[in-house]
Amino acid sequence: MSANLLITDYSSVAWDFFYQKKTVIFYQFDREIYLKNHGSYMNLETELFGRNFMDLHLLLEENVIMV
């Protein structure tokens, strides 16, 4: 409840953050494998409600998170 930022892959907890108007970042490094094995009711390239990264280095370069 006290977090202001969520980094997730496909977790439904992202919807909780969305409804609370908190920042959601999707890190989907394995999207092709995930879609092949599970599929999705959303287009993961165009319908996500947060920024989307498939590469950890690009995520870190954006200064979205600090390590």
C-alpha atoms as a PDB file:
ATOM      1  CA  MET A   1       0.000   0.000   0.000  1.00  0.00           C
ATOM      2  CA  SER A   2       2.865   2.403   0.641  1.00  0.00           C
ATOM      3  CA  ALA A   3       4.750   1.701  -2.602  1.00  0.00           C
ATOM      4  CA  ASN A   4       4.630   4.360  -5.306  1.00  0.00           C
ATOM      5  CA  LEU A   5       6.112   2.275  -8.102  1.00  0.00           C
ATOM      6  CA  LEU A   6       5.606  -1.293  -9.297  1.00  0.00           C
ATOM      7  CA  ILE A   7       7.880  -3.180 -11.658  1.00  0.00           C
ATOM      8  CA  THR A   8       6.229  -6.374 -12.798  1.00  0.00           C
ATOM      9  CA  ASP A   9       6.133  -8.818 -15.651  1.00  0.00           C
ATOM     10  CA  TYR A  10       2.542 -10.008 -16.006  1.00  0.00           C
ATOM     11  CA  SER A  11       1.208  -9.855 -12.461  1.00  0.00           C
ATOM     12  CA  SER A  12      -2.401  -8.862 -11.919  1.00  0.00           C
ATOM     13  CA  VAL A  13      -1.286  -6.683  -9.003  1.00  0.00           C
ATOM     14  CA  ALA A  14      -0.511  -4.122 -11.737  1.00  0.00           C
ATOM     15  CA  TRP A  15      -4.270  -3.440 -11.901  1.00  0.00           C
ATOM     16  CA  ASP A  16      -4.271  -2.468  -8.219  1.00  0.00           C
ATOM     17  CA  PHE A  17      -1.574   0.092  -8.920  1.00  0.00           C
ATOM     18  CA  PHE A  18      -3.400   1.308 -12.019  1.00  0.00           C
ATOM     19  CA  TYR A  19      -6.597   1.956 -10.051  1.00  0.00           C
ATOM     20  CA  GLN A  20      -4.602   3.771  -7.374  1.00  0.00           C
ATOM     21  CA  LYS A  21      -3.008   5.953 -10.092  1.00  0.00           C
ATOM     22  CA  LYS A  22       0.456   4.718  -9.185  1.00  0.00           C
ATOM     23  CA  THR A  23       3.271   4.127 -11.644  1.00  0.00           C
ATOM     24  CA  VAL A  24       3.508   0.685 -13.244  1.00  0.00           C
ATOM     25  CA  ILE A  25       6.474  -0.450 -15.299  1.00  0.00           C
ATOM     26  CA  PHE A  26       6.357  -3.733 -17.147  1.00  0.00           C
ATOM     27  CA  TYR A  27       9.604  -5.650 -17.494  1.00  0.00           C
ATOM     28  CA  GLN A  28       8.778  -8.498 -19.880  1.00  0.00           C
ATOM     29  CA  PHE A  29      12.132  -9.976 -20.781  1.00  0.00           C
ATOM     30  CA  ASP A  30      10.481 -13.273 -21.758  1.00  0.00           C
ATOM     31  CA  ARG A  31       7.405 -12.000 -23.615  1.00  0.00           C
ATOM     32  CA  GLU A  32       7.694 -14.339 -26.599  1.00  0.00           C
ATOM     33  CA  ILE A  33       7.982 -17.401 -24.373  1.00  0.00           C
ATOM     34  CA  TYR A  34       5.158 -16.172 -22.127  1.00  0.00           C
ATOM     35  CA  LEU A  35       2.806 -15.598 -25.057  1.00  0.00           C
ATOM     36  CA  LYS A  36       3.652 -18.984 -26.548  1.00  0.00           C
ATOM     37  CA  ASN A  37       2.968 -20.807 -23.269  1.00  0.00           C
ATOM     38  CA  HIS A  38       0.156 -18.735 -21.760  1.00  0.00           C
ATOM     39  CA  GLY A  39      -1.223 -16.277 -24.285  1.00  0.00           C
ATOM     40  CA  SER A  40      -2.798 -12.972 -23.290  1.00  0.00           C
ATOM     41  CA  TYR A  41      -6.185 -11.322 -23.528  1.00  0.00           C
ATOM     42  CA  MET A  42      -4.397  -7.995 -24.081  1.00  0.00           C
ATOM     43  CA  ASN A  43      -2.002  -6.941 -26.795  1.00  0.00           C
ATOM     44  CA  LEU A  44       1.154  -6.628 -24.699  1.00  0.00           C
ATOM     45  CA  GLU A  45       2.756  -4.285 -27.215  1.00  0.00           C
ATOM     46  CA  THR A  46      -0.041  -1.719 -27.452  1.00  0.00           C
ATOM     47  CA  GLU A  47      -2.515  -2.095 -24.585  1.00  0.00           C
ATOM     48  CA  LEU A  48      -0.401  -1.923 -21.433  1.00  0.00           C
ATOM     49  CA  PHE A  49      -1.034   1.043 -19.160  1.00  0.00           C
ATOM     50  CA  GLY A  50       2.567   1.596 -18.140  1.00  0.00           C
ATOM     51  CA  ARG A  51       5.964   1.779 -19.727  1.00  0.00           C
ATOM     52  CA  ASN A  52       7.251  -1.488 -21.059  1.00  0.00           C
ATOM     53  CA  PHE A  53      10.821  -2.753 -21.172  1.00  0.00           C
ATOM     54  CA  MET A  54      12.138  -6.021 -22.498  1.00  0.00           C
ATOM     55  CA  ASP A  55      15.776  -5.284 -21.710  1.00  0.00           C
ATOM     56  CA  LEU A  56      17.067  -4.692 -18.175  1.00  0.00           C
ATOM     57  CA  HIS A  57      19.831  -2.368 -19.338  1.00  0.00           C
ATOM     58  CA  LEU A  58      17.325  -0.102 -21.094  1.00  0.00           C
ATOM     59  CA  LEU A  59      15.169  -0.044 -17.978  1.00  0.00           C
ATOM     60  CA  LEU A  60      18.144   0.966 -15.847  1.00  0.00           C
ATOM     61  CA  GLU A  61      19.323   3.548 -18.383  1.00  0.00           C
ATOM     62  CA  GLU A  62      15.964   5.304 -18.175  1.00  0.00           C
ATOM     63  CA  ASN A  63      16.719   6.095 -14.508  1.00  0.00           C
ATOM     64  CA  VAL A  64      13.310   4.782 -13.600  1.00  0.00           C
ATOM     65  CA  ILE A  65      14.782   2.817 -10.725  1.00  0.00           C
ATOM     66  CA  MET A  66      17.947   3.188  -8.766  1.00  0.00           C
ATOM     67  CA  VAL A  67      20.089   0.206  -7.833  1.00  0.00           C
END
